[in-house]
N, C-alpha and C. Protein backbone atom coordinates (compact mmCIF):
# COMPACT_ATOMS: atom_id res chain seq x y z
N UNK A 1 -76.17 43.13 181.88
CA UNK A 1 -76.90 41.96 181.43
C UNK A 1 -77.00 41.96 179.91
N UNK A 2 -76.76 40.81 179.31
CA UNK A 2 -76.81 40.68 177.85
C UNK A 2 -78.23 40.33 177.42
N UNK A 3 -79.00 41.34 177.03
CA UNK A 3 -80.39 41.10 176.64
C UNK A 3 -80.52 40.39 175.30
N UNK A 4 -79.44 40.35 174.52
CA UNK A 4 -79.50 39.61 173.26
C UNK A 4 -79.51 38.11 173.50
N UNK A 5 -79.18 37.71 174.71
CA UNK A 5 -79.25 36.31 175.09
C UNK A 5 -80.67 36.01 175.56
N UNK A 6 -81.31 35.06 174.92
CA UNK A 6 -82.72 34.76 175.18
C UNK A 6 -82.99 34.48 176.66
N UNK A 7 -82.16 33.65 177.25
CA UNK A 7 -82.36 33.27 178.65
C UNK A 7 -82.19 34.46 179.58
N UNK A 8 -81.15 35.27 179.36
CA UNK A 8 -80.91 36.45 180.20
C UNK A 8 -82.06 37.46 180.08
N UNK A 9 -82.57 37.61 178.84
CA UNK A 9 -83.65 38.55 178.61
C UNK A 9 -84.91 38.14 179.39
N UNK A 10 -85.26 36.88 179.30
CA UNK A 10 -86.47 36.38 179.97
C UNK A 10 -86.31 36.46 181.49
N UNK A 11 -85.14 36.13 182.00
CA UNK A 11 -84.91 36.20 183.44
C UNK A 11 -85.01 37.64 183.93
N UNK A 12 -84.48 38.58 183.14
CA UNK A 12 -84.54 39.99 183.52
C UNK A 12 -85.98 40.50 183.49
N UNK A 13 -86.74 40.04 182.50
CA UNK A 13 -88.15 40.41 182.44
C UNK A 13 -88.89 39.89 183.67
N UNK A 14 -88.57 38.68 184.04
CA UNK A 14 -89.21 38.06 185.20
C UNK A 14 -88.94 38.82 186.48
N UNK A 15 -87.80 39.50 186.53
CA UNK A 15 -87.44 40.28 187.72
C UNK A 15 -88.01 41.70 187.67
N UNK A 16 -88.71 41.99 186.57
CA UNK A 16 -89.30 43.32 186.45
C UNK A 16 -88.35 44.39 185.95
N UNK A 17 -87.30 43.99 185.24
CA UNK A 17 -86.31 44.93 184.72
C UNK A 17 -86.93 45.70 183.54
N UNK A 18 -87.15 46.99 183.73
CA UNK A 18 -87.79 47.81 182.69
C UNK A 18 -86.89 47.99 181.47
N UNK A 19 -85.58 47.94 181.68
CA UNK A 19 -84.66 48.04 180.55
C UNK A 19 -84.80 46.83 179.63
N UNK A 20 -85.03 45.68 180.23
CA UNK A 20 -85.24 44.46 179.43
C UNK A 20 -86.52 44.58 178.62
N UNK A 21 -87.54 45.18 179.23
CA UNK A 21 -88.82 45.37 178.54
C UNK A 21 -88.66 46.35 177.38
N UNK A 22 -87.92 47.43 177.58
CA UNK A 22 -87.68 48.39 176.52
C UNK A 22 -86.89 47.77 175.37
N UNK A 23 -85.95 46.90 175.74
CA UNK A 23 -85.18 46.18 174.71
C UNK A 23 -86.12 45.31 173.88
N UNK A 24 -87.06 44.65 174.56
CA UNK A 24 -88.04 43.80 173.89
C UNK A 24 -88.88 44.62 172.90
N UNK A 25 -89.33 45.78 173.34
CA UNK A 25 -90.12 46.66 172.48
C UNK A 25 -89.33 47.10 171.26
N UNK A 26 -88.11 47.56 171.49
CA UNK A 26 -87.27 48.06 170.40
C UNK A 26 -86.96 46.97 169.37
N UNK A 27 -86.72 45.77 169.86
CA UNK A 27 -86.30 44.68 168.99
C UNK A 27 -87.45 44.07 168.17
N UNK A 28 -88.62 43.95 168.78
CA UNK A 28 -89.68 43.17 168.14
C UNK A 28 -90.91 43.95 167.67
N UNK A 29 -91.03 45.20 168.06
CA UNK A 29 -92.27 45.91 167.73
C UNK A 29 -92.54 45.94 166.22
N UNK A 30 -91.57 46.33 165.43
CA UNK A 30 -91.79 46.46 163.99
C UNK A 30 -92.15 45.13 163.35
N UNK A 31 -91.46 44.09 163.75
CA UNK A 31 -91.73 42.78 163.14
C UNK A 31 -93.09 42.25 163.54
N UNK A 32 -93.46 42.44 164.79
CA UNK A 32 -94.77 41.97 165.25
C UNK A 32 -95.89 42.78 164.60
N UNK A 33 -95.65 44.07 164.41
CA UNK A 33 -96.64 44.91 163.75
C UNK A 33 -96.83 44.46 162.30
N UNK A 34 -95.72 44.14 161.62
CA UNK A 34 -95.80 43.66 160.25
C UNK A 34 -96.58 42.36 160.16
N UNK A 35 -96.37 41.49 161.11
CA UNK A 35 -97.09 40.21 161.14
C UNK A 35 -98.58 40.44 161.41
N UNK A 36 -98.87 41.31 162.37
CA UNK A 36 -100.27 41.61 162.69
C UNK A 36 -100.97 42.23 161.48
N UNK A 37 -100.28 43.10 160.75
CA UNK A 37 -100.85 43.72 159.56
C UNK A 37 -101.17 42.68 158.50
N UNK A 38 -100.33 41.66 158.39
CA UNK A 38 -100.56 40.62 157.39
C UNK A 38 -101.81 39.80 157.74
N UNK A 39 -102.17 39.78 159.01
CA UNK A 39 -103.35 39.03 159.44
C UNK A 39 -104.63 39.84 159.31
N UNK A 40 -104.58 41.11 159.66
CA UNK A 40 -105.81 41.89 159.77
C UNK A 40 -105.90 43.06 158.80
N UNK A 41 -104.77 43.51 158.26
CA UNK A 41 -104.74 44.58 157.25
C UNK A 41 -105.46 45.85 157.71
N UNK A 42 -105.27 46.20 158.95
CA UNK A 42 -105.84 47.43 159.50
C UNK A 42 -104.82 48.01 160.47
N UNK A 43 -104.32 49.20 160.16
CA UNK A 43 -103.23 49.78 160.95
C UNK A 43 -103.60 49.92 162.44
N UNK A 44 -104.78 50.43 162.71
CA UNK A 44 -105.19 50.65 164.09
C UNK A 44 -105.35 49.34 164.85
N UNK A 45 -106.04 48.36 164.24
CA UNK A 45 -106.26 47.08 164.90
C UNK A 45 -104.96 46.31 165.06
N UNK A 46 -104.08 46.42 164.06
CA UNK A 46 -102.78 45.73 164.15
C UNK A 46 -101.97 46.29 165.32
N UNK A 47 -102.00 47.62 165.48
CA UNK A 47 -101.27 48.24 166.59
C UNK A 47 -101.89 47.84 167.92
N UNK A 48 -103.23 47.72 167.96
CA UNK A 48 -103.89 47.28 169.19
C UNK A 48 -103.44 45.87 169.57
N UNK A 49 -103.35 45.01 168.58
CA UNK A 49 -102.92 43.63 168.82
C UNK A 49 -101.52 43.61 169.42
N UNK A 50 -100.61 44.37 168.80
CA UNK A 50 -99.22 44.40 169.26
C UNK A 50 -99.13 44.95 170.68
N UNK A 51 -99.84 46.04 170.95
CA UNK A 51 -99.81 46.65 172.28
C UNK A 51 -100.37 45.70 173.34
N UNK A 52 -101.43 45.00 172.98
CA UNK A 52 -102.02 44.04 173.92
C UNK A 52 -101.07 42.91 174.23
N UNK A 53 -100.34 42.46 173.22
CA UNK A 53 -99.39 41.37 173.42
C UNK A 53 -98.24 41.80 174.32
N UNK A 54 -97.70 42.99 174.08
CA UNK A 54 -96.62 43.49 174.93
C UNK A 54 -97.11 43.71 176.36
N UNK A 55 -98.32 44.24 176.50
CA UNK A 55 -98.88 44.48 177.83
C UNK A 55 -99.05 43.17 178.60
N UNK A 56 -99.62 42.17 177.93
CA UNK A 56 -99.84 40.88 178.58
C UNK A 56 -98.52 40.17 178.88
N UNK A 57 -97.53 40.37 178.01
CA UNK A 57 -96.21 39.78 178.24
C UNK A 57 -95.61 40.35 179.52
N UNK A 58 -95.75 41.66 179.71
CA UNK A 58 -95.24 42.29 180.93
C UNK A 58 -96.02 41.85 182.16
N UNK A 59 -97.34 41.78 182.02
CA UNK A 59 -98.19 41.39 183.14
C UNK A 59 -97.90 39.96 183.61
N UNK A 60 -97.56 39.11 182.68
CA UNK A 60 -97.32 37.70 183.01
C UNK A 60 -95.84 37.32 182.89
N UNK A 61 -94.97 38.33 183.05
CA UNK A 61 -93.54 38.13 182.85
C UNK A 61 -92.94 37.07 183.77
N UNK A 62 -93.50 36.91 184.96
CA UNK A 62 -92.94 35.94 185.92
C UNK A 62 -93.23 34.50 185.50
N UNK A 63 -94.15 34.32 184.56
CA UNK A 63 -94.49 32.98 184.10
C UNK A 63 -93.71 32.56 182.86
N UNK A 64 -92.90 33.49 182.32
CA UNK A 64 -92.11 33.18 181.12
C UNK A 64 -91.04 32.16 181.45
N UNK A 65 -90.86 31.23 180.54
CA UNK A 65 -89.87 30.16 180.73
C UNK A 65 -88.59 30.52 179.98
N UNK A 66 -87.49 30.63 180.69
CA UNK A 66 -86.22 31.03 180.09
C UNK A 66 -85.69 30.01 179.09
N UNK A 67 -86.24 28.80 179.09
CA UNK A 67 -85.78 27.77 178.16
C UNK A 67 -86.47 27.86 176.81
N UNK A 68 -87.52 28.67 176.71
CA UNK A 68 -88.25 28.80 175.46
C UNK A 68 -87.94 30.12 174.78
N UNK A 69 -88.04 30.14 173.45
CA UNK A 69 -87.73 31.32 172.67
C UNK A 69 -88.76 32.43 172.90
N UNK A 70 -88.28 33.61 173.30
CA UNK A 70 -89.18 34.74 173.50
C UNK A 70 -89.77 35.18 172.17
N UNK A 71 -89.00 35.02 171.09
CA UNK A 71 -89.48 35.40 169.76
C UNK A 71 -90.66 34.54 169.35
N UNK A 72 -90.54 33.23 169.52
CA UNK A 72 -91.64 32.32 169.18
C UNK A 72 -92.86 32.62 170.04
N UNK A 73 -92.62 32.91 171.31
CA UNK A 73 -93.71 33.23 172.23
C UNK A 73 -94.48 34.47 171.75
N UNK A 74 -93.75 35.49 171.31
CA UNK A 74 -94.39 36.73 170.87
C UNK A 74 -95.22 36.52 169.61
N UNK A 75 -94.67 35.77 168.65
CA UNK A 75 -95.42 35.55 167.42
C UNK A 75 -96.67 34.71 167.67
N UNK A 76 -96.55 33.72 168.51
CA UNK A 76 -97.72 32.91 168.85
C UNK A 76 -98.75 33.75 169.59
N UNK A 77 -98.28 34.69 170.40
CA UNK A 77 -99.18 35.57 171.13
C UNK A 77 -99.93 36.50 170.18
N UNK A 78 -99.24 37.01 169.15
CA UNK A 78 -99.90 37.85 168.15
C UNK A 78 -100.99 37.06 167.45
N UNK A 79 -100.66 35.85 167.05
CA UNK A 79 -101.63 34.99 166.37
C UNK A 79 -102.84 34.71 167.26
N UNK A 80 -102.59 34.38 168.52
CA UNK A 80 -103.67 34.07 169.45
C UNK A 80 -104.54 35.30 169.73
N UNK A 81 -103.90 36.46 169.86
CA UNK A 81 -104.64 37.70 170.09
C UNK A 81 -105.55 38.01 168.90
N UNK A 82 -105.03 37.80 167.72
CA UNK A 82 -105.82 38.01 166.50
C UNK A 82 -107.04 37.09 166.47
N UNK A 83 -106.80 35.81 166.71
CA UNK A 83 -107.89 34.83 166.67
C UNK A 83 -108.93 35.14 167.76
N UNK A 84 -108.45 35.39 168.97
CA UNK A 84 -109.37 35.61 170.09
C UNK A 84 -110.15 36.92 169.99
N UNK A 85 -109.51 37.96 169.49
CA UNK A 85 -110.13 39.27 169.50
C UNK A 85 -110.89 39.62 168.22
N UNK A 86 -110.37 39.18 167.08
CA UNK A 86 -110.94 39.67 165.82
C UNK A 86 -111.55 38.58 164.94
N UNK A 87 -111.42 37.33 165.34
CA UNK A 87 -112.02 36.25 164.57
C UNK A 87 -113.04 35.48 165.39
N UNK A 88 -113.31 35.92 166.60
CA UNK A 88 -114.16 35.14 167.49
C UNK A 88 -115.60 35.08 167.01
N UNK A 89 -116.01 36.06 166.20
CA UNK A 89 -117.38 36.06 165.72
C UNK A 89 -117.52 35.42 164.34
N UNK A 90 -116.44 34.89 163.83
CA UNK A 90 -116.47 34.23 162.53
C UNK A 90 -115.94 32.81 162.69
N UNK A 91 -116.44 31.93 161.86
CA UNK A 91 -115.92 30.57 161.90
C UNK A 91 -114.58 30.54 161.18
N UNK A 92 -113.55 30.04 161.86
CA UNK A 92 -112.21 29.98 161.28
C UNK A 92 -111.90 28.53 160.96
N UNK A 93 -111.78 28.23 159.69
CA UNK A 93 -111.51 26.86 159.28
C UNK A 93 -110.10 26.47 159.71
N UNK A 94 -109.92 25.19 160.01
CA UNK A 94 -108.61 24.70 160.45
C UNK A 94 -107.54 24.97 159.41
N UNK A 95 -107.90 24.85 158.14
CA UNK A 95 -106.93 25.08 157.08
C UNK A 95 -106.46 26.52 157.09
N UNK A 96 -107.41 27.46 157.31
CA UNK A 96 -107.05 28.86 157.36
C UNK A 96 -106.13 29.14 158.54
N UNK A 97 -106.39 28.49 159.67
CA UNK A 97 -105.55 28.67 160.84
C UNK A 97 -104.13 28.18 160.57
N UNK A 98 -104.01 27.12 159.80
CA UNK A 98 -102.68 26.59 159.46
C UNK A 98 -101.93 27.59 158.59
N UNK A 99 -102.66 28.29 157.70
CA UNK A 99 -102.02 29.31 156.87
C UNK A 99 -101.41 30.40 157.76
N UNK A 100 -102.18 30.86 158.75
CA UNK A 100 -101.69 31.91 159.64
C UNK A 100 -100.48 31.42 160.44
N UNK A 101 -100.55 30.16 160.90
CA UNK A 101 -99.43 29.60 161.66
C UNK A 101 -98.19 29.49 160.79
N UNK A 102 -98.39 29.11 159.53
CA UNK A 102 -97.26 28.99 158.61
C UNK A 102 -96.66 30.37 158.34
N UNK A 103 -97.52 31.38 158.23
CA UNK A 103 -97.03 32.73 158.03
C UNK A 103 -96.17 33.17 159.20
N UNK A 104 -96.56 32.79 160.41
CA UNK A 104 -95.78 33.13 161.60
C UNK A 104 -94.38 32.57 161.49
N UNK A 105 -94.27 31.35 160.97
CA UNK A 105 -92.96 30.72 160.82
C UNK A 105 -92.11 31.47 159.80
N UNK A 106 -92.74 31.92 158.71
CA UNK A 106 -92.02 32.68 157.69
C UNK A 106 -91.52 33.99 158.28
N UNK A 107 -92.40 34.69 159.02
CA UNK A 107 -92.02 35.97 159.61
C UNK A 107 -90.92 35.80 160.64
N UNK A 108 -91.00 34.75 161.45
CA UNK A 108 -89.99 34.50 162.48
C UNK A 108 -88.61 34.33 161.87
N UNK A 109 -88.56 33.68 160.70
CA UNK A 109 -87.28 33.33 160.11
C UNK A 109 -86.82 34.32 159.05
N UNK A 110 -87.47 35.48 158.97
CA UNK A 110 -87.09 36.51 158.01
C UNK A 110 -86.68 37.77 158.76
N UNK A 111 -85.82 38.57 158.13
CA UNK A 111 -85.43 39.80 158.80
C UNK A 111 -86.45 40.90 158.50
N UNK A 112 -86.35 42.00 159.23
CA UNK A 112 -87.33 43.09 159.13
C UNK A 112 -87.48 43.61 157.71
N UNK A 113 -86.34 43.87 157.05
CA UNK A 113 -86.39 44.47 155.72
C UNK A 113 -87.05 43.54 154.71
N UNK A 114 -86.79 42.25 154.81
CA UNK A 114 -87.38 41.30 153.87
C UNK A 114 -88.89 41.23 154.06
N UNK A 115 -89.34 41.20 155.31
CA UNK A 115 -90.78 41.15 155.60
C UNK A 115 -91.45 42.40 155.07
N UNK A 116 -90.88 43.57 155.35
CA UNK A 116 -91.46 44.82 154.91
C UNK A 116 -91.50 44.88 153.39
N UNK A 117 -90.46 44.38 152.75
CA UNK A 117 -90.39 44.40 151.29
C UNK A 117 -91.48 43.52 150.69
N UNK A 118 -91.67 42.32 151.25
CA UNK A 118 -92.69 41.41 150.73
C UNK A 118 -94.08 42.00 150.87
N UNK A 119 -94.38 42.53 152.08
CA UNK A 119 -95.70 43.11 152.32
C UNK A 119 -95.93 44.32 151.43
N UNK A 120 -94.90 45.15 151.28
CA UNK A 120 -95.01 46.35 150.45
C UNK A 120 -95.27 45.99 148.99
N UNK A 121 -94.53 45.03 148.49
CA UNK A 121 -94.67 44.65 147.08
C UNK A 121 -96.04 44.03 146.81
N UNK A 122 -96.48 43.14 147.70
CA UNK A 122 -97.79 42.51 147.53
C UNK A 122 -98.90 43.57 147.57
N UNK A 123 -98.83 44.46 148.55
CA UNK A 123 -99.84 45.51 148.69
C UNK A 123 -99.86 46.42 147.47
N UNK A 124 -98.68 46.77 146.98
CA UNK A 124 -98.57 47.66 145.81
C UNK A 124 -99.20 47.01 144.58
N UNK A 125 -98.95 45.71 144.40
CA UNK A 125 -99.50 45.03 143.23
C UNK A 125 -101.02 44.87 143.33
N UNK A 126 -101.53 44.67 144.54
CA UNK A 126 -102.99 44.57 144.73
C UNK A 126 -103.65 45.89 144.37
N UNK A 127 -102.99 47.00 144.72
CA UNK A 127 -103.55 48.32 144.43
C UNK A 127 -103.62 48.58 142.93
N UNK A 128 -102.83 47.87 142.13
CA UNK A 128 -102.82 48.06 140.68
C UNK A 128 -103.94 47.30 139.98
N UNK A 129 -104.62 46.41 140.71
CA UNK A 129 -105.70 45.66 140.10
C UNK A 129 -106.84 46.59 139.68
N UNK A 130 -107.63 46.21 138.67
CA UNK A 130 -108.80 47.02 138.29
C UNK A 130 -109.69 47.22 139.52
N UNK A 131 -110.35 48.38 139.64
CA UNK A 131 -111.12 48.71 140.84
C UNK A 131 -112.07 47.62 141.33
N UNK A 132 -112.93 47.11 140.46
CA UNK A 132 -113.89 46.09 140.87
C UNK A 132 -113.19 44.80 141.28
N UNK A 133 -112.18 44.43 140.53
CA UNK A 133 -111.41 43.22 140.83
C UNK A 133 -110.71 43.37 142.18
N UNK A 134 -110.14 44.54 142.42
CA UNK A 134 -109.44 44.80 143.69
C UNK A 134 -110.40 44.76 144.87
N UNK A 135 -111.58 45.34 144.69
CA UNK A 135 -112.57 45.38 145.76
C UNK A 135 -113.01 43.96 146.13
N UNK A 136 -113.31 43.15 145.12
CA UNK A 136 -113.77 41.79 145.37
C UNK A 136 -112.66 40.95 146.00
N UNK A 137 -111.45 41.10 145.50
CA UNK A 137 -110.31 40.36 146.03
C UNK A 137 -110.07 40.71 147.49
N UNK A 138 -110.15 41.99 147.82
CA UNK A 138 -109.92 42.44 149.19
C UNK A 138 -111.01 41.95 150.12
N UNK A 139 -112.25 41.98 149.67
CA UNK A 139 -113.35 41.48 150.49
C UNK A 139 -113.18 40.01 150.79
N UNK A 140 -112.66 39.28 149.80
CA UNK A 140 -112.49 37.83 149.97
C UNK A 140 -111.27 37.48 150.81
N UNK A 141 -110.13 38.00 150.41
CA UNK A 141 -108.88 37.54 151.02
C UNK A 141 -108.41 38.36 152.21
N UNK A 142 -108.92 39.57 152.36
CA UNK A 142 -108.53 40.39 153.50
C UNK A 142 -109.63 40.47 154.55
N UNK A 143 -110.89 40.59 154.08
CA UNK A 143 -112.00 40.69 155.02
C UNK A 143 -112.56 39.32 155.39
N UNK A 144 -112.23 38.29 154.59
CA UNK A 144 -112.65 36.94 154.92
C UNK A 144 -114.09 36.62 154.56
N UNK A 145 -114.70 37.41 153.66
CA UNK A 145 -116.08 37.14 153.26
C UNK A 145 -116.13 35.99 152.26
N UNK A 146 -117.21 35.23 152.28
CA UNK A 146 -117.40 34.15 151.32
C UNK A 146 -117.85 34.73 149.99
N UNK A 147 -117.78 33.93 148.93
CA UNK A 147 -118.23 34.40 147.62
C UNK A 147 -119.69 34.82 147.64
N UNK A 148 -120.52 34.06 148.35
CA UNK A 148 -121.94 34.37 148.44
C UNK A 148 -122.16 35.69 149.18
N UNK A 149 -121.42 35.91 150.26
CA UNK A 149 -121.54 37.15 151.03
C UNK A 149 -121.14 38.36 150.18
N UNK A 150 -120.07 38.19 149.40
CA UNK A 150 -119.62 39.27 148.52
C UNK A 150 -120.66 39.55 147.44
N UNK A 151 -121.20 38.48 146.88
CA UNK A 151 -122.21 38.62 145.83
C UNK A 151 -123.42 39.39 146.34
N UNK A 152 -123.86 39.06 147.54
CA UNK A 152 -125.01 39.75 148.12
C UNK A 152 -124.68 41.21 148.45
N UNK A 153 -123.48 41.43 148.95
CA UNK A 153 -123.05 42.78 149.33
C UNK A 153 -122.95 43.70 148.11
N UNK A 154 -122.42 43.17 146.99
CA UNK A 154 -122.21 43.97 145.79
C UNK A 154 -123.33 43.81 144.76
N UNK A 155 -124.30 42.96 145.09
CA UNK A 155 -125.44 42.72 144.19
C UNK A 155 -124.99 42.20 142.83
N UNK A 156 -124.12 41.20 142.87
CA UNK A 156 -123.65 40.53 141.66
C UNK A 156 -123.75 39.03 141.88
N UNK A 157 -123.48 38.24 140.86
CA UNK A 157 -123.61 36.79 140.98
C UNK A 157 -122.35 36.19 141.61
N UNK A 158 -122.49 35.05 142.31
CA UNK A 158 -121.33 34.36 142.87
C UNK A 158 -120.31 33.98 141.79
N UNK A 159 -120.80 33.68 140.59
CA UNK A 159 -119.91 33.33 139.48
C UNK A 159 -119.02 34.51 139.10
N UNK A 160 -119.60 35.70 139.14
CA UNK A 160 -118.82 36.91 138.85
C UNK A 160 -117.75 37.12 139.91
N UNK A 161 -118.11 36.87 141.15
CA UNK A 161 -117.15 36.99 142.24
C UNK A 161 -115.99 36.02 142.03
N UNK A 162 -116.33 34.78 141.74
CA UNK A 162 -115.30 33.76 141.53
C UNK A 162 -114.39 34.12 140.36
N UNK A 163 -114.98 34.63 139.30
CA UNK A 163 -114.20 35.00 138.11
C UNK A 163 -113.23 36.14 138.42
N UNK A 164 -113.69 37.12 139.20
CA UNK A 164 -112.84 38.26 139.54
C UNK A 164 -111.68 37.86 140.47
N UNK A 165 -111.95 36.95 141.40
CA UNK A 165 -110.90 36.48 142.30
C UNK A 165 -109.86 35.69 141.51
N UNK A 166 -110.33 34.85 140.58
CA UNK A 166 -109.42 34.10 139.72
C UNK A 166 -108.56 35.05 138.90
N UNK A 167 -109.19 36.08 138.36
CA UNK A 167 -108.47 37.09 137.58
C UNK A 167 -107.40 37.76 138.42
N UNK A 168 -107.75 38.10 139.66
CA UNK A 168 -106.80 38.78 140.55
C UNK A 168 -105.57 37.91 140.81
N UNK A 169 -105.80 36.63 141.10
CA UNK A 169 -104.68 35.73 141.37
C UNK A 169 -103.80 35.56 140.14
N UNK A 170 -104.41 35.48 138.97
CA UNK A 170 -103.63 35.31 137.75
C UNK A 170 -102.77 36.54 137.48
N UNK A 171 -103.33 37.73 137.73
CA UNK A 171 -102.57 38.97 137.54
C UNK A 171 -101.42 39.03 138.53
N UNK A 172 -101.69 38.70 139.80
CA UNK A 172 -100.66 38.76 140.83
C UNK A 172 -99.58 37.71 140.60
N UNK A 173 -99.98 36.56 140.10
CA UNK A 173 -99.00 35.51 139.81
C UNK A 173 -97.98 36.00 138.80
N UNK A 174 -98.45 36.70 137.78
CA UNK A 174 -97.56 37.20 136.73
C UNK A 174 -96.70 38.35 137.24
N UNK A 175 -97.31 39.26 137.98
CA UNK A 175 -96.60 40.47 138.40
C UNK A 175 -95.61 40.22 139.54
N UNK A 176 -95.93 39.26 140.42
CA UNK A 176 -95.07 39.02 141.58
C UNK A 176 -94.00 37.98 141.35
N UNK A 177 -94.15 37.20 140.29
CA UNK A 177 -93.19 36.14 139.97
C UNK A 177 -93.18 35.07 141.05
N UNK A 178 -92.33 34.08 140.88
CA UNK A 178 -92.34 32.91 141.75
C UNK A 178 -91.91 33.20 143.19
N UNK A 179 -91.01 34.13 143.39
CA UNK A 179 -90.49 34.30 144.75
C UNK A 179 -91.51 34.93 145.70
N UNK A 180 -92.59 35.51 145.14
CA UNK A 180 -93.62 36.06 146.00
C UNK A 180 -94.87 35.19 146.06
N UNK A 181 -94.89 34.10 145.31
CA UNK A 181 -96.06 33.22 145.32
C UNK A 181 -96.31 32.61 146.69
N UNK A 182 -95.23 32.25 147.37
CA UNK A 182 -95.38 31.62 148.67
C UNK A 182 -96.01 32.56 149.68
N UNK A 183 -95.59 33.83 149.68
CA UNK A 183 -96.17 34.76 150.64
C UNK A 183 -97.62 35.04 150.32
N UNK A 184 -97.98 35.01 149.03
CA UNK A 184 -99.39 35.16 148.65
C UNK A 184 -100.19 33.99 149.20
N UNK A 185 -99.60 32.82 149.09
CA UNK A 185 -100.26 31.60 149.58
C UNK A 185 -100.50 31.70 151.09
N UNK A 186 -99.49 32.15 151.80
CA UNK A 186 -99.61 32.21 153.26
C UNK A 186 -100.52 33.33 153.72
N UNK A 187 -100.42 34.49 153.09
CA UNK A 187 -101.21 35.63 153.53
C UNK A 187 -102.67 35.50 153.14
N UNK A 188 -102.92 35.04 151.91
CA UNK A 188 -104.29 35.05 151.41
C UNK A 188 -104.95 33.68 151.36
N UNK A 189 -104.26 32.62 151.80
CA UNK A 189 -104.91 31.33 151.90
C UNK A 189 -105.15 30.64 150.58
N UNK A 190 -104.25 30.81 149.61
CA UNK A 190 -104.42 30.11 148.35
C UNK A 190 -104.05 28.66 148.51
N UNK A 191 -104.76 27.79 147.85
CA UNK A 191 -104.36 26.39 147.76
C UNK A 191 -103.40 26.27 146.60
N UNK A 192 -102.53 25.28 146.63
CA UNK A 192 -101.48 25.16 145.62
C UNK A 192 -102.02 25.03 144.20
N UNK A 193 -103.25 24.48 144.05
CA UNK A 193 -103.78 24.36 142.71
C UNK A 193 -104.93 25.32 142.44
N UNK A 194 -105.16 26.26 143.38
CA UNK A 194 -106.25 27.20 143.21
C UNK A 194 -105.92 28.20 142.12
N UNK A 195 -106.87 28.42 141.22
CA UNK A 195 -106.72 29.40 140.15
C UNK A 195 -105.48 29.15 139.30
N UNK A 196 -105.05 27.89 139.28
CA UNK A 196 -103.91 27.52 138.46
C UNK A 196 -102.67 28.30 138.84
N UNK A 197 -102.52 28.61 140.12
CA UNK A 197 -101.34 29.35 140.59
C UNK A 197 -100.26 28.34 140.97
N UNK A 198 -99.12 28.45 140.38
CA UNK A 198 -98.04 27.52 140.62
C UNK A 198 -97.14 28.04 141.72
N UNK A 199 -96.94 27.26 142.75
CA UNK A 199 -96.07 27.67 143.88
C UNK A 199 -94.73 26.98 143.75
N UNK A 200 -93.68 27.76 143.89
CA UNK A 200 -92.34 27.18 143.83
C UNK A 200 -91.46 27.80 144.90
């Protein structure tokens, strides 16, 4: 059976073929993990998300439609697992959800090495930010805290929080150049005119 063929792979999964399932794991685990990491930025939780998605895919394998892309199904499942499991106690704005959905499209259409390179470069540049600036930026764009929540947590003014986030984006814009601006936008939810960051 040719598991590289989408239809054959799904049909084999539906029949309970464990070789098809192992092929699925080998082919998509790294990419799905990279996508999950971009959403939650926690190695353990990202791995939990991926494992849950693969487990549920196997459990519901007979319901898979051979006419639909298994790759698209997996990425949507990662996104849904993230929203349902780790964002259920926070209000998720529709605009933020669109950012995550857009990121899924970018990840789907990129190869493993390109995704890993983008995530690695962005993470490396964030680590170079001044300590306080990095902490505030991470609380805002990775943990999803509001400026007021960060201000209360760090005992500083909301204006200081806003200034540090603006500083972080300006530094990253310069260091990452234009080809990484789009991934910053998708991962961290920047608006095209936010902090005077130009997207191209």
